[in-house]
Amino acid sequence: MKFAAITALGVGALALTACEKAIEAPFDRGVCYAVEAGAEGEAPRFNKVADNQPQIEFCAARLEEVRLRFLRMGGSRQEITGSYQGQFIFIDREGVWISQALDGSRFILLARTGDGRLAIPGAIQRAIDGTPVAVLADPEPDPTAPPAP
């Protein structure tokens, strides 16, 4: 009898958590939003940042501009969250991440180069220790090539 009551209570609690509505990003075509966390128990606010953005990378660039402007005005927040056509965008010191859900798994979209710019992760060459390499020299100079001026 005790087992049945505990099981029923557990199933009830699971059902209540399943009813909790997930927060979805707006799917307005070409519109970039900044997402501000709501107060305790409130849904987050979506503030329009830019219209007519052709790709998610352009929205990430607009959000990076917003982040840098706030830092230049004396702000201390290093992270910013945004959304673009149903995707959430997360910008931090390491780069730009995207996710289908506000609290879901994140995937890298753009990584930071050694000088802080954003680039496609595969385009960044790194040293053995993982630090970005600005310019990679030829491993072996061509002996038939004329000397550089």
C-alpha atoms as a PDB file:
ATOM      1  CA  MET A   1       0.000   0.000   0.000  1.00  0.00           C
ATOM      2  CA  LYS A   2       2.818   2.387   0.896  1.00  0.00           C
ATOM      3  CA  PHE A   3       4.610   1.595  -2.365  1.00  0.00           C
ATOM      4  CA  ALA A   4       1.477   2.384  -4.407  1.00  0.00           C
ATOM      5  CA  ALA A   5       1.053   5.763  -2.677  1.00  0.00           C
ATOM      6  CA  ILE A   6       4.702   6.723  -3.241  1.00  0.00           C
ATOM      7  CA  THR A   7       4.494   5.615  -6.877  1.00  0.00           C
ATOM      8  CA  ALA A   8       1.311   7.629  -7.434  1.00  0.00           C
ATOM      9  CA  LEU A   9       2.921  10.687  -5.847  1.00  0.00           C
ATOM     10  CA  GLY A  10       6.011  10.299  -8.058  1.00  0.00           C
ATOM     11  CA  VAL A  11       3.922   9.932 -11.216  1.00  0.00           C
ATOM     12  CA  GLY A  12       1.910  13.016 -10.244  1.00  0.00           C
ATOM     13  CA  ALA A  13       5.048  15.090  -9.736  1.00  0.00           C
ATOM     14  CA  LEU A  14       6.433  13.896 -13.059  1.00  0.00           C
ATOM     15  CA  ALA A  15       3.180  14.823 -14.788  1.00  0.00           C
ATOM     16  CA  LEU A  16       3.304  18.344 -13.333  1.00  0.00           C
ATOM     17  CA  THR A  17       6.851  18.914 -14.557  1.00  0.00           C
ATOM     18  CA  ALA A  18       5.898  17.606 -17.998  1.00  0.00           C
ATOM     19  CA  CYS A  19       3.133  20.220 -18.178  1.00  0.00           C
ATOM     20  CA  GLU A  20       5.594  23.068 -17.677  1.00  0.00           C
ATOM     21  CA  LYS A  21       5.655  24.980 -20.955  1.00  0.00           C
ATOM     22  CA  ALA A  22       9.057  25.303 -22.599  1.00  0.00           C
ATOM     23  CA  ILE A  23      10.109  28.790 -23.664  1.00  0.00           C
ATOM     24  CA  GLU A  24      10.232  29.085 -27.429  1.00  0.00           C
ATOM     25  CA  ALA A  25      12.114  31.686 -29.438  1.00  0.00           C
ATOM     26  CA  PRO A  26      10.016  33.771 -31.847  1.00  0.00           C
ATOM     27  CA  PHE A  27      10.198  32.723 -35.477  1.00  0.00           C
ATOM     28  CA  ASP A  28       9.905  36.154 -37.102  1.00  0.00           C
ATOM     29  CA  ARG A  29      11.780  35.950 -40.399  1.00  0.00           C
ATOM     30  CA  GLY A  30      14.993  38.022 -40.349  1.00  0.00           C
ATOM     31  CA  VAL A  31      14.404  39.574 -36.915  1.00  0.00           C
ATOM     32  CA  CYS A  32      17.128  39.441 -34.273  1.00  0.00           C
ATOM     33  CA  TYR A  33      16.141  39.615 -30.593  1.00  0.00           C
ATOM     34  CA  ALA A  34      18.003  40.116 -27.326  1.00  0.00           C
ATOM     35  CA  VAL A  35      16.568  37.908 -24.577  1.00  0.00           C
ATOM     36  CA  GLU A  36      16.308  39.319 -21.050  1.00  0.00           C
ATOM     37  CA  ALA A  37      15.548  36.974 -18.181  1.00  0.00           C
ATOM     38  CA  GLY A  38      12.246  37.732 -16.514  1.00  0.00           C
ATOM     39  CA  ALA A  39      11.727  38.162 -12.789  1.00  0.00           C
ATOM     40  CA  GLU A  40      11.167  35.093 -10.638  1.00  0.00           C
ATOM     41  CA  GLY A  41       8.377  33.062 -12.232  1.00  0.00           C
ATOM     42  CA  GLU A  42       8.013  35.346 -15.266  1.00  0.00           C
ATOM     43  CA  ALA A  43       8.784  34.492 -18.868  1.00  0.00           C
ATOM     44  CA  PRO A  44      11.817  36.134 -20.495  1.00  0.00           C
ATOM     45  CA  ARG A  45      11.389  39.282 -22.603  1.00  0.00           C
ATOM     46  CA  PHE A  46      12.377  39.388 -26.279  1.00  0.00           C
ATOM     47  CA  ASN A  47      13.639  42.842 -27.307  1.00  0.00           C
ATOM     48  CA  LYS A  48      14.079  43.532 -31.014  1.00  0.00           C
ATOM     49  CA  VAL A  49      17.697  44.388 -31.919  1.00  0.00           C
ATOM     50  CA  ALA A  50      17.657  44.374 -35.740  1.00  0.00           C
ATOM     51  CA  ASP A  51      15.431  43.635 -38.721  1.00  0.00           C
ATOM     52  CA  ASN A  52      16.300  42.141 -42.125  1.00  0.00           C
ATOM     53  CA  GLN A  53      19.154  39.937 -40.900  1.00  0.00           C
ATOM     54  CA  PRO A  54      19.782  37.371 -43.674  1.00  0.00           C
ATOM     55  CA  GLN A  55      21.541  34.739 -41.499  1.00  0.00           C
ATOM     56  CA  ILE A  56      22.041  33.782 -37.865  1.00  0.00           C
ATOM     57  CA  GLU A  57      25.694  34.921 -38.066  1.00  0.00           C
ATOM     58  CA  PHE A  58      24.550  38.480 -38.800  1.00  0.00           C
ATOM     59  CA  CYS A  59      22.256  38.382 -35.770  1.00  0.00           C
ATOM     60  CA  ALA A  60      25.177  37.142 -33.661  1.00  0.00           C
ATOM     61  CA  ALA A  61      27.228  40.113 -34.908  1.00  0.00           C
ATOM     62  CA  ARG A  62      24.453  42.559 -33.905  1.00  0.00           C
ATOM     63  CA  LEU A  63      24.256  40.947 -30.447  1.00  0.00           C
ATOM     64  CA  GLU A  64      28.048  41.176 -30.092  1.00  0.00           C
ATOM     65  CA  GLU A  65      27.761  44.910 -30.881  1.00  0.00           C
ATOM     66  CA  VAL A  66      25.162  45.278 -28.124  1.00  0.00           C
ATOM     67  CA  ARG A  67      27.388  43.374 -25.675  1.00  0.00           C
ATOM     68  CA  LEU A  68      30.422  45.543 -26.463  1.00  0.00           C
ATOM     69  CA  ARG A  69      28.415  48.784 -26.221  1.00  0.00           C
ATOM     70  CA  PHE A  70      27.172  47.847 -22.761  1.00  0.00           C
ATOM     71  CA  LEU A  71      30.716  46.993 -21.676  1.00  0.00           C
ATOM     72  CA  ARG A  72      32.010  50.340 -23.001  1.00  0.00           C
ATOM     73  CA  MET A  73      29.306  52.159 -21.025  1.00  0.00           C
ATOM     74  CA  GLY A  74      30.594  50.577 -17.823  1.00  0.00           C
ATOM     75  CA  GLY A  75      28.575  47.380 -17.710  1.00  0.00           C
ATOM     76  CA  SER A  76      30.105  44.200 -16.386  1.00  0.00           C
ATOM     77  CA  ARG A  77      27.971  41.514 -18.011  1.00  0.00           C
ATOM     78  CA  GLN A  78      30.155  39.366 -20.296  1.00  0.00           C
ATOM     79  CA  GLU A  79      27.350  37.134 -21.617  1.00  0.00           C
ATOM     80  CA  ILE A  80      24.346  37.992 -23.747  1.00  0.00           C
ATOM     81  CA  THR A  81      21.470  35.828 -24.946  1.00  0.00           C
ATOM     82  CA  GLY A  82      19.507  36.381 -28.129  1.00  0.00           C
ATOM     83  CA  SER A  83      17.275  34.601 -30.589  1.00  0.00           C
ATOM     84  CA  TYR A  84      16.875  34.357 -34.340  1.00  0.00           C
ATOM     85  CA  GLN A  85      14.147  32.463 -36.215  1.00  0.00           C
ATOM     86  CA  GLY A  86      13.414  29.918 -33.492  1.00  0.00           C
ATOM     87  CA  GLN A  87      17.048  29.455 -32.364  1.00  0.00           C
ATOM     88  CA  PHE A  88      18.598  30.790 -29.179  1.00  0.00           C
ATOM     89  CA  ILE A  89      22.013  32.467 -29.409  1.00  0.00           C
ATOM     90  CA  PHE A  90      24.441  32.635 -26.485  1.00  0.00           C
ATOM     91  CA  ILE A  91      27.490  34.906 -26.658  1.00  0.00           C
ATOM     92  CA  ASP A  92      30.288  34.706 -24.088  1.00  0.00           C
ATOM     93  CA  ARG A  93      34.064  35.126 -23.865  1.00  0.00           C
ATOM     94  CA  GLU A  94      34.659  31.891 -25.778  1.00  0.00           C
ATOM     95  CA  GLY A  95      32.392  32.551 -28.737  1.00  0.00           C
ATOM     96  CA  VAL A  96      28.841  32.143 -30.019  1.00  0.00           C
ATOM     97  CA  TRP A  97      26.713  29.118 -29.204  1.00  0.00           C
ATOM     98  CA  ILE A  98      23.250  28.141 -30.524  1.00  0.00           C
ATOM     99  CA  SER A  99      20.488  25.972 -29.124  1.00  0.00           C
ATOM    100  CA  GLN A 100      16.893  25.008 -29.867  1.00  0.00           C
ATOM    101  CA  ALA A 101      15.938  25.573 -26.209  1.00  0.00           C
ATOM    102  CA  LEU A 102      16.849  28.219 -23.666  1.00  0.00           C
ATOM    103  CA  ASP A 103      18.174  25.574 -21.266  1.00  0.00           C
ATOM    104  CA  GLY A 104      19.099  22.893 -23.816  1.00  0.00           C
ATOM    105  CA  SER A 105      22.350  21.630 -25.267  1.00  0.00           C
ATOM    106  CA  ARG A 106      24.488  24.270 -26.968  1.00  0.00           C
ATOM    107  CA  PHE A 107      26.554  23.949 -30.127  1.00  0.00           C
ATOM    108  CA  ILE A 108      29.411  26.208 -31.207  1.00  0.00           C
ATOM    109  CA  LEU A 109      28.620  28.550 -34.090  1.00  0.00           C
ATOM    110  CA  LEU A 110      31.527  31.013 -33.969  1.00  0.00           C
ATOM    111  CA  ALA A 111      34.735  30.910 -31.921  1.00  0.00           C
ATOM    112  CA  ARG A 112      36.945  33.765 -30.786  1.00  0.00           C
ATOM    113  CA  THR A 113      40.285  34.305 -32.490  1.00  0.00           C
ATOM    114  CA  GLY A 114      43.400  35.305 -30.548  1.00  0.00           C
ATOM    115  CA  ASP A 115      42.503  38.993 -30.883  1.00  0.00           C
ATOM    116  CA  GLY A 116      38.872  38.563 -29.787  1.00  0.00           C
ATOM    117  CA  ARG A 117      37.157  38.559 -33.181  1.00  0.00           C
ATOM    118  CA  LEU A 118      34.568  35.928 -34.087  1.00  0.00           C
ATOM    119  CA  ALA A 119      35.308  33.352 -36.791  1.00  0.00           C
ATOM    120  CA  ILE A 120      34.119  29.974 -38.028  1.00  0.00           C
ATOM    121  CA  PRO A 121      35.766  27.398 -35.720  1.00  0.00           C
ATOM    122  CA  GLY A 122      37.408  25.401 -38.531  1.00  0.00           C
ATOM    123  CA  ALA A 123      39.120  28.538 -39.856  1.00  0.00           C
ATOM    124  CA  ILE A 124      41.096  29.116 -36.658  1.00  0.00           C
ATOM    125  CA  GLN A 125      44.489  27.460 -36.518  1.00  0.00           C
ATOM    126  CA  ARG A 126      45.742  26.613 -33.054  1.00  0.00           C
ATOM    127  CA  ALA A 127      49.089  25.702 -31.556  1.00  0.00           C
ATOM    128  CA  ILE A 128      49.640  22.376 -29.793  1.00  0.00           C
ATOM    129  CA  ASP A 129      48.625  23.893 -26.445  1.00  0.00           C
ATOM    130  CA  GLY A 130      45.309  25.107 -27.934  1.00  0.00           C
ATOM    131  CA  THR A 131      46.156  28.798 -28.166  1.00  0.00           C
ATOM    132  CA  PRO A 132      45.190  30.496 -31.450  1.00  0.00           C
ATOM    133  CA  VAL A 133      47.955  31.089 -33.959  1.00  0.00           C
ATOM    134  CA  ALA A 134      47.700  34.416 -35.790  1.00  0.00           C
ATOM    135  CA  VAL A 135      49.879  33.520 -38.797  1.00  0.00           C
ATOM    136  CA  LEU A 136      51.216  30.094 -39.631  1.00  0.00           C
ATOM    137  CA  ALA A 137      54.614  30.096 -41.371  1.00  0.00           C
ATOM    138  CA  ASP A 138      55.592  27.570 -44.048  1.00  0.00           C
ATOM    139  CA  PRO A 139      57.042  24.471 -42.357  1.00  0.00           C
ATOM    140  CA  GLU A 140      59.846  24.212 -44.906  1.00  0.00           C
ATOM    141  CA  PRO A 141      60.940  27.083 -47.126  1.00  0.00           C
ATOM    142  CA  ASP A 142      61.122  26.320 -50.855  1.00  0.00           C
ATOM    143  CA  PRO A 143      64.847  26.265 -51.799  1.00  0.00           C
ATOM    144  CA  THR A 144      64.047  27.150 -55.433  1.00  0.00           C
ATOM    145  CA  ALA A 145      62.053  30.250 -54.502  1.00  0.00           C
ATOM    146  CA  PRO A 146      63.783  33.638 -54.878  1.00  0.00           C
ATOM    147  CA  PRO A 147      64.673  35.375 -51.611  1.00  0.00           C
ATOM    148  CA  ALA A 148      62.082  37.723 -50.166  1.00  0.00           C
ATOM    149  CA  PRO A 149      62.841  41.459 -50.652  1.00  0.00           C
END
